[in-house]
Amino acid sequence: MAGTMKVARRVGRAAAAALLAAAVGGIAVAQAQQPRGGTGSTGPCAPRPSFLTPEDREAIERVYVNRAKERLGLTDQQAEEVRAALKARRDQVQADRQALCLAQVDLRRLLGDRSSDPAAVKAAGERVNALQAKLMGQRLDAFLALRSKVNLNADQWAKFQELQSGFGGRGPGGFGGFAQ
C-alpha cells in the first residue's frame, strides 16, 4: 500500500509538472503570436511592449546620473547637464532607429529575393548606410556636447576616459561603465 502511494505521488507530481510546462509553453506561444506594438503595428520594427514604465526609466536615469556624479566627482550642475544631454539624445534618435530597422528589413527582403533588381538592392543598401551614418553622427554630437557642456576638469576627464575604456565599445553601462 505504501509503495502504491509513492507511485501515485510520483505520477501526480509528473502530471503537475507536465501541466505547468504545457501552460507556460501555451503562454509563450500566445505571446509570440500576438502582434507587437499593441496599436495595430506589427512586424520586426514595431515598438515592443515595455516591461518598464516611464517612471522606471526615470529612476534608471537617476541611478545612471548619480553613478556618473559619484564616480567622476561631478557637481550638481554638471550632473544635470549630463542628464539633459542624455535625454536629448534619446529623444532625437528614436525615429531614426525605427527608420533604420525598416530599411534593414527592406534590404534583407530584397537580398532574399533572387529576382530583385540590383539597382533596388543597391539603393536599399545605401539607405541603410545613410541611416547608420546619421546615427553615428548623432552619437558623436552627443559625446561632443557632453564633453563641451559638462566642462569636466582634468581629473574628471581622466576618470571619464578610464571608464570609457571599460565600455568595450558598448557605450555607458557596458562592461566597466557607470551602470555597474
Protein backbone atom coordinates (compact mmCIF):
# COMPACT_ATOMS: atom_id res chain seq x y z
CA MET A 1 0.00 0.00 0.00
CA ALA A 2 2.85 2.39 0.89
CA GLY A 3 4.55 1.59 -2.42
CA THR A 4 1.35 2.34 -4.32
CA MET A 5 1.06 5.73 -2.57
CA LYS A 6 4.65 6.62 -3.56
CA VAL A 7 3.95 5.74 -7.18
CA ALA A 8 0.71 7.75 -7.11
CA ARG A 9 2.57 10.78 -5.70
CA ARG A 10 5.27 10.50 -8.36
CA VAL A 11 2.66 10.23 -11.11
CA GLY A 12 0.79 13.18 -9.60
CA ARG A 13 3.97 15.29 -9.48
CA ALA A 14 4.87 14.34 -13.04
CA ALA A 15 1.36 15.21 -14.22
CA ALA A 16 1.51 18.56 -12.40
CA ALA A 17 4.92 19.29 -13.93
CA ALA A 18 3.59 18.41 -17.40
CA LEU A 19 0.55 20.65 -16.93
CA LEU A 20 2.76 23.52 -15.75
CA ALA A 21 5.10 23.07 -18.72
CA ALA A 22 2.14 22.99 -21.11
CA ALA A 23 0.65 26.11 -19.54
CA VAL A 24 3.95 28.02 -19.70
CA GLY A 25 4.51 26.82 -23.26
CA GLY A 26 1.00 27.89 -24.23
CA ILE A 27 1.54 31.35 -22.77
CA ALA A 28 4.82 31.69 -24.65
CA VAL A 29 3.19 30.63 -27.93
CA ALA A 30 0.28 33.01 -27.37
CA GLN A 31 2.65 35.89 -26.64
CA ALA A 32 4.76 35.08 -29.70
CA GLN A 33 1.66 35.13 -31.90
CA GLN A 34 0.42 38.50 -30.64
CA PRO A 35 1.38 41.46 -32.83
CA ARG A 36 3.93 43.78 -31.25
CA GLY A 37 3.07 47.37 -30.60
CA GLY A 38 -0.49 46.90 -29.39
CA THR A 39 -1.84 49.67 -31.63
CA GLY A 40 -2.15 47.74 -34.85
CA SER A 41 1.54 47.98 -35.78
CA THR A 42 3.18 44.64 -36.42
CA GLY A 43 6.43 43.29 -37.74
CA PRO A 44 10.03 43.26 -36.66
CA CYS A 45 10.25 47.06 -36.26
CA ALA A 46 7.03 47.56 -34.30
CA PRO A 47 7.53 49.09 -30.88
CA ARG A 48 7.84 46.36 -28.32
CA PRO A 49 5.64 46.35 -25.25
CA SER A 50 7.81 47.63 -22.48
CA PHE A 51 8.20 45.98 -19.11
CA LEU A 52 9.42 49.33 -17.80
CA THR A 53 7.11 52.24 -17.12
CA PRO A 54 8.15 55.84 -17.80
CA GLU A 55 8.67 56.17 -14.05
CA ASP A 56 11.01 53.15 -14.13
CA ARG A 57 13.01 54.75 -16.94
CA GLU A 58 13.30 57.99 -14.98
CA ALA A 59 14.51 56.06 -11.93
CA ILE A 60 17.12 54.23 -14.02
CA GLU A 61 18.26 57.55 -15.47
CA ARG A 62 18.63 58.99 -11.95
CA VAL A 63 20.74 55.98 -10.92
CA TYR A 64 22.93 56.38 -14.01
CA VAL A 65 23.45 60.11 -13.44
CA ASN A 66 24.10 59.61 -9.72
CA ARG A 67 26.74 56.99 -10.50
CA ALA A 68 28.36 59.30 -13.02
CA LYS A 69 28.26 62.06 -10.42
CA GLU A 70 29.81 59.80 -7.80
CA ARG A 71 32.49 58.20 -9.98
CA LEU A 72 33.53 61.38 -11.76
CA GLY A 73 33.01 63.76 -8.86
CA LEU A 74 30.51 65.89 -10.79
CA THR A 75 28.81 68.92 -9.32
CA ASP A 76 25.00 69.03 -9.21
CA GLN A 77 25.03 71.35 -12.25
CA GLN A 78 27.31 69.01 -14.21
CA ALA A 79 25.11 66.02 -13.32
CA GLU A 80 22.02 67.89 -14.53
CA GLU A 81 23.80 68.76 -17.79
CA VAL A 82 24.65 65.05 -18.28
CA ARG A 83 21.03 64.10 -17.67
CA ALA A 84 19.74 66.74 -20.11
CA ALA A 85 22.23 65.70 -22.82
CA LEU A 86 21.30 62.02 -22.47
CA LYS A 87 17.58 62.78 -22.64
CA ALA A 88 18.02 64.96 -25.73
CA ARG A 89 19.99 62.19 -27.45
CA ARG A 90 17.43 59.52 -26.58
CA ASP A 91 14.54 61.63 -27.85
CA GLN A 92 16.43 62.51 -31.03
CA VAL A 93 17.31 59.00 -32.17
CA GLN A 94 14.03 57.12 -31.69
CA ALA A 95 12.63 57.92 -35.13
CA ASP A 96 15.98 57.30 -36.82
CA ARG A 97 16.34 53.87 -35.17
CA GLN A 98 12.87 52.98 -36.40
CA ALA A 99 13.73 54.12 -39.92
CA LEU A 100 16.99 52.12 -39.83
CA CYS A 101 15.14 48.98 -38.76
CA LEU A 102 12.64 49.34 -41.59
CA ALA A 103 15.44 49.96 -44.11
CA GLN A 104 17.31 46.86 -42.88
CA VAL A 105 14.16 44.74 -43.19
CA ASP A 106 13.66 46.02 -46.73
CA LEU A 107 17.28 45.25 -47.63
CA ARG A 108 17.02 41.71 -46.19
CA ARG A 109 13.82 41.15 -48.19
CA LEU A 110 15.50 42.30 -51.39
CA LEU A 111 18.60 40.20 -50.73
CA GLY A 112 16.44 37.14 -50.17
CA ASP A 113 14.56 37.59 -53.44
CA ARG A 114 16.60 36.20 -56.34
CA SER A 115 14.62 38.30 -58.81
CA SER A 116 15.32 41.62 -57.07
CA ASP A 117 16.53 44.43 -59.27
CA PRO A 118 20.24 45.02 -58.48
CA ALA A 119 19.64 48.79 -58.51
CA ALA A 120 16.92 48.40 -55.88
CA VAL A 121 19.24 46.28 -53.70
CA LYS A 122 21.99 48.87 -54.05
CA ALA A 123 19.58 51.72 -53.21
CA ALA A 124 18.32 49.85 -50.14
CA GLY A 125 21.92 49.28 -49.02
CA GLU A 126 22.67 52.98 -49.46
CA ARG A 127 19.59 53.86 -47.33
CA VAL A 128 20.88 51.59 -44.56
CA ASN A 129 24.36 53.11 -44.80
CA ALA A 130 22.97 56.65 -44.71
CA LEU A 131 20.86 55.95 -41.63
CA GLN A 132 23.75 54.22 -39.86
CA ALA A 133 25.96 57.21 -40.64
CA LYS A 134 23.27 59.57 -39.34
CA LEU A 135 23.02 57.64 -36.07
CA MET A 136 26.81 57.61 -35.71
CA GLY A 137 26.85 61.36 -36.30
CA GLN A 138 24.24 61.77 -33.57
CA ARG A 139 26.35 59.66 -31.19
CA LEU A 140 29.38 61.80 -31.91
CA ASP A 141 27.37 65.01 -31.49
CA ALA A 142 26.09 63.75 -28.13
CA PHE A 143 29.61 62.85 -26.99
CA LEU A 144 30.96 66.23 -28.06
CA ALA A 145 28.04 68.00 -26.40
CA LEU A 146 28.71 66.14 -23.17
CA ARG A 147 32.39 66.96 -23.40
CA SER A 148 31.83 70.67 -24.01
CA LYS A 149 28.69 71.37 -21.97
CA VAL A 150 29.61 69.43 -18.86
CA ASN A 151 33.06 71.03 -18.83
CA LEU A 152 34.95 68.34 -16.93
CA ASN A 153 38.16 69.32 -15.17
CA ALA A 154 41.37 67.39 -15.91
CA ASP A 155 40.82 64.85 -13.11
CA GLN A 156 37.19 64.25 -14.09
CA TRP A 157 38.21 63.88 -17.75
CA ALA A 158 40.87 61.28 -16.84
CA LYS A 159 38.30 59.30 -14.82
CA PHE A 160 35.81 59.57 -17.69
CA GLN A 161 38.40 58.24 -20.16
CA GLU A 162 39.17 55.36 -17.79
CA LEU A 163 35.50 54.45 -17.57
CA GLN A 164 35.10 54.84 -21.35
CA SER A 165 37.87 52.31 -21.93
CA GLY A 166 35.86 49.80 -19.91
CA PHE A 167 32.77 50.23 -22.10
CA GLY A 168 34.20 47.90 -24.73
CA GLY A 169 32.59 49.98 -27.47
CA ARG A 170 29.16 49.37 -25.97
CA GLY A 171 28.61 52.83 -24.51
CA PRO A 172 27.84 53.81 -20.93
CA GLY A 173 26.65 50.92 -18.84
CA GLY A 174 28.70 48.41 -20.82
CA PHE A 175 31.42 46.38 -19.18
CA GLY A 176 33.07 48.68 -16.64
CA GLY A 177 30.68 51.57 -17.32
CA PHE A 178 28.64 53.70 -14.93
CA ALA A 179 25.85 51.15 -14.66
CA GLN A 180 27.99 48.57 -12.92
